[in-house]
N, C-alpha and C. Protein backbone atom coordinates (compact mmCIF):
# COMPACT_ATOMS: atom_id res chain seq x y z
N UNK A 1 -21.10 25.93 32.89
CA UNK A 1 -20.06 26.16 31.93
C UNK A 1 -20.33 27.50 31.25
N UNK A 2 -19.32 28.27 31.09
CA UNK A 2 -19.42 29.55 30.40
C UNK A 2 -19.30 29.30 28.90
N UNK A 3 -20.36 29.54 28.12
CA UNK A 3 -20.28 29.31 26.67
C UNK A 3 -19.16 30.09 26.00
N UNK A 4 -18.80 31.24 26.57
CA UNK A 4 -17.72 32.04 26.00
C UNK A 4 -16.35 31.40 26.14
N UNK A 5 -16.24 30.40 27.01
CA UNK A 5 -14.94 29.74 27.23
C UNK A 5 -14.75 28.51 26.34
N UNK A 6 -15.75 28.17 25.53
CA UNK A 6 -15.69 26.97 24.69
C UNK A 6 -15.69 27.40 23.22
N UNK A 7 -14.59 27.15 22.50
CA UNK A 7 -14.58 27.49 21.07
C UNK A 7 -15.70 26.77 20.32
N UNK A 8 -16.37 27.49 19.43
CA UNK A 8 -17.45 26.95 18.60
C UNK A 8 -18.55 26.33 19.47
N UNK A 9 -18.93 27.02 20.53
CA UNK A 9 -19.89 26.47 21.50
C UNK A 9 -21.17 25.97 20.86
N UNK A 10 -21.79 26.78 20.00
CA UNK A 10 -23.06 26.36 19.36
C UNK A 10 -22.89 25.03 18.64
N UNK A 11 -21.78 24.88 17.96
CA UNK A 11 -21.54 23.66 17.19
C UNK A 11 -21.38 22.45 18.11
N UNK A 12 -20.47 22.54 19.10
CA UNK A 12 -20.19 21.38 19.95
C UNK A 12 -21.31 21.10 20.95
N UNK A 13 -22.14 22.11 21.27
CA UNK A 13 -23.29 21.88 22.14
C UNK A 13 -24.47 21.34 21.35
N UNK A 14 -24.38 21.35 20.02
CA UNK A 14 -25.45 20.83 19.18
C UNK A 14 -26.71 21.69 19.22
N UNK A 15 -26.56 22.99 19.47
CA UNK A 15 -27.73 23.86 19.59
C UNK A 15 -28.37 24.15 18.23
N UNK A 16 -29.69 24.07 18.15
CA UNK A 16 -30.35 24.39 16.88
C UNK A 16 -30.28 25.88 16.60
N UNK A 17 -29.96 26.24 15.38
CA UNK A 17 -29.83 27.65 15.01
C UNK A 17 -31.17 28.38 15.03
N UNK A 18 -32.25 27.68 14.67
CA UNK A 18 -33.54 28.36 14.52
C UNK A 18 -34.32 28.47 15.82
N UNK A 19 -34.06 27.67 16.83
CA UNK A 19 -34.87 27.68 18.04
C UNK A 19 -34.14 28.25 19.26
N UNK A 20 -32.85 28.39 19.21
CA UNK A 20 -32.07 28.87 20.35
C UNK A 20 -31.15 29.96 19.83
N UNK A 21 -31.48 31.20 20.13
CA UNK A 21 -30.72 32.32 19.58
C UNK A 21 -29.43 32.61 20.35
N UNK A 22 -29.22 31.98 21.49
CA UNK A 22 -27.98 32.13 22.23
C UNK A 22 -27.80 33.51 22.84
N UNK A 23 -28.90 34.16 23.24
CA UNK A 23 -28.81 35.51 23.80
C UNK A 23 -28.82 35.54 25.32
N UNK A 24 -29.16 34.41 25.95
CA UNK A 24 -29.25 34.36 27.41
C UNK A 24 -28.59 33.10 27.95
N UNK A 25 -28.04 33.19 29.15
CA UNK A 25 -27.46 32.06 29.86
C UNK A 25 -28.13 31.98 31.22
N UNK A 26 -28.59 30.80 31.59
CA UNK A 26 -29.18 30.58 32.92
C UNK A 26 -28.14 29.91 33.81
N UNK A 27 -28.14 30.28 35.09
CA UNK A 27 -27.21 29.71 36.04
C UNK A 27 -28.00 29.23 37.25
N UNK A 28 -27.60 28.09 37.81
CA UNK A 28 -28.32 27.57 38.95
C UNK A 28 -27.49 26.59 39.75
N UNK A 29 -28.10 26.11 40.83
CA UNK A 29 -27.47 25.14 41.72
C UNK A 29 -28.27 23.85 41.66
N UNK A 30 -27.59 22.75 41.36
CA UNK A 30 -28.24 21.44 41.34
C UNK A 30 -28.47 21.01 42.78
N UNK A 31 -29.73 20.95 43.21
CA UNK A 31 -30.09 20.63 44.58
C UNK A 31 -30.41 19.15 44.77
N UNK A 32 -30.72 18.44 43.70
CA UNK A 32 -31.07 17.02 43.78
C UNK A 32 -30.49 16.33 42.56
N UNK A 33 -29.51 15.47 42.76
CA UNK A 33 -28.83 14.79 41.65
C UNK A 33 -29.53 13.49 41.24
N UNK A 34 -30.69 13.20 41.81
CA UNK A 34 -31.40 11.96 41.48
C UNK A 34 -31.74 11.86 40.00
N UNK A 35 -31.31 10.78 39.39
CA UNK A 35 -31.61 10.52 37.99
C UNK A 35 -30.77 11.28 36.99
N UNK A 36 -29.86 12.13 37.45
CA UNK A 36 -29.01 12.90 36.53
C UNK A 36 -28.02 11.95 35.88
N UNK A 37 -27.87 12.09 34.58
CA UNK A 37 -26.91 11.23 33.88
C UNK A 37 -26.03 12.07 32.97
N UNK A 38 -24.79 11.65 32.84
CA UNK A 38 -23.83 12.31 31.96
C UNK A 38 -23.90 11.68 30.58
N UNK A 39 -23.78 12.53 29.57
CA UNK A 39 -23.80 12.07 28.18
C UNK A 39 -23.05 13.09 27.34
N UNK A 40 -23.14 12.97 26.04
CA UNK A 40 -22.58 13.99 25.15
C UNK A 40 -23.70 14.58 24.32
N UNK A 41 -23.57 15.85 24.01
CA UNK A 41 -24.60 16.57 23.26
C UNK A 41 -24.77 15.95 21.88
N UNK A 42 -26.02 15.80 21.48
CA UNK A 42 -26.36 15.30 20.17
C UNK A 42 -26.39 16.47 19.20
N UNK A 43 -25.86 16.28 18.01
CA UNK A 43 -25.89 17.33 17.01
C UNK A 43 -27.28 17.53 16.44
N UNK A 44 -27.59 18.78 16.11
CA UNK A 44 -28.86 19.12 15.48
C UNK A 44 -28.55 19.94 14.24
N UNK A 45 -29.15 19.59 13.13
CA UNK A 45 -28.89 20.31 11.88
C UNK A 45 -27.42 20.20 11.51
N UNK A 46 -26.80 21.34 11.22
CA UNK A 46 -25.39 21.33 10.83
C UNK A 46 -24.45 21.41 12.03
N UNK A 47 -25.00 21.55 13.25
CA UNK A 47 -24.17 21.61 14.45
C UNK A 47 -23.88 20.20 14.94
N UNK A 48 -22.59 19.89 15.13
CA UNK A 48 -22.14 18.52 15.34
C UNK A 48 -22.42 17.93 16.71
N UNK A 49 -22.41 18.73 17.78
CA UNK A 49 -22.53 18.17 19.12
C UNK A 49 -21.22 17.60 19.60
N UNK A 50 -21.27 16.79 20.66
CA UNK A 50 -20.08 16.15 21.20
C UNK A 50 -19.64 16.70 22.54
N UNK A 51 -20.15 17.87 22.96
CA UNK A 51 -19.77 18.46 24.24
C UNK A 51 -20.37 17.63 25.38
N UNK A 52 -19.62 17.46 26.47
CA UNK A 52 -20.16 16.77 27.64
C UNK A 52 -21.36 17.55 28.17
N UNK A 53 -22.41 16.83 28.57
CA UNK A 53 -23.58 17.49 29.14
C UNK A 53 -24.22 16.59 30.18
N UNK A 54 -25.04 17.21 31.02
CA UNK A 54 -25.82 16.48 32.01
C UNK A 54 -27.29 16.54 31.61
N UNK A 55 -27.96 15.40 31.69
CA UNK A 55 -29.40 15.34 31.43
C UNK A 55 -30.07 15.28 32.81
N UNK A 56 -30.89 16.27 33.10
CA UNK A 56 -31.55 16.39 34.40
C UNK A 56 -33.03 16.12 34.17
N UNK A 57 -33.56 15.02 34.73
CA UNK A 57 -34.91 14.60 34.38
C UNK A 57 -36.03 15.56 34.79
N UNK A 58 -35.86 16.32 35.86
CA UNK A 58 -36.90 17.24 36.31
C UNK A 58 -36.23 18.55 36.73
N UNK A 59 -35.71 19.32 35.78
CA UNK A 59 -34.91 20.50 36.12
C UNK A 59 -35.64 21.54 36.96
N UNK A 60 -36.94 21.69 36.76
CA UNK A 60 -37.68 22.69 37.53
C UNK A 60 -37.64 22.39 39.03
N UNK A 61 -37.64 21.10 39.38
CA UNK A 61 -37.62 20.69 40.78
C UNK A 61 -36.20 20.47 41.31
N UNK A 62 -35.26 20.18 40.43
CA UNK A 62 -33.92 19.80 40.87
C UNK A 62 -32.90 20.93 40.86
N UNK A 63 -33.19 22.00 40.14
CA UNK A 63 -32.25 23.11 40.03
C UNK A 63 -32.85 24.35 40.66
N UNK A 64 -32.07 25.01 41.50
CA UNK A 64 -32.45 26.31 42.03
C UNK A 64 -31.83 27.37 41.11
N UNK A 65 -32.66 28.06 40.36
CA UNK A 65 -32.18 29.07 39.43
C UNK A 65 -31.64 30.26 40.22
N UNK A 66 -30.40 30.67 39.93
CA UNK A 66 -29.79 31.78 40.65
C UNK A 66 -29.61 33.02 39.78
N UNK A 67 -29.77 32.86 38.47
CA UNK A 67 -29.65 34.04 37.61
C UNK A 67 -29.85 33.71 36.15
N UNK A 68 -30.31 34.70 35.41
CA UNK A 68 -30.43 34.64 33.95
C UNK A 68 -29.74 35.87 33.42
N UNK A 69 -28.79 35.68 32.52
CA UNK A 69 -27.95 36.78 32.06
C UNK A 69 -28.00 36.91 30.55
N UNK A 70 -28.10 38.15 30.10
CA UNK A 70 -27.98 38.41 28.66
C UNK A 70 -26.52 38.35 28.28
N UNK A 71 -26.24 37.83 27.11
CA UNK A 71 -24.84 37.75 26.64
C UNK A 71 -24.71 38.54 25.34
N UNK A 72 -23.59 39.20 25.22
CA UNK A 72 -23.31 40.01 24.04
C UNK A 72 -21.85 39.84 23.70
N UNK A 73 -21.51 39.32 22.55
CA UNK A 73 -22.42 38.88 21.50
C UNK A 73 -23.05 37.53 21.86
N UNK A 74 -24.16 37.18 21.19
CA UNK A 74 -24.76 35.87 21.41
C UNK A 74 -23.77 34.76 21.08
N UNK A 75 -23.93 33.62 21.71
CA UNK A 75 -23.04 32.48 21.43
C UNK A 75 -23.63 31.61 20.37
């Protein structure tokens, strides 16, 4: 998902303001869907959450990273 395409992305993704500066986006291919479950983002601090998300139990082994991109402005 492109964070730039979602209004108020930080808020609906429930991203913490102090630990995630929103300056980079990682992109990859899910190679193994074992144990992946769909849920909604939990809010952290003043950010509400609620965006659909996938929880991937072992992302290092299940996702083939294809790129890391700087974003400007940060999301």
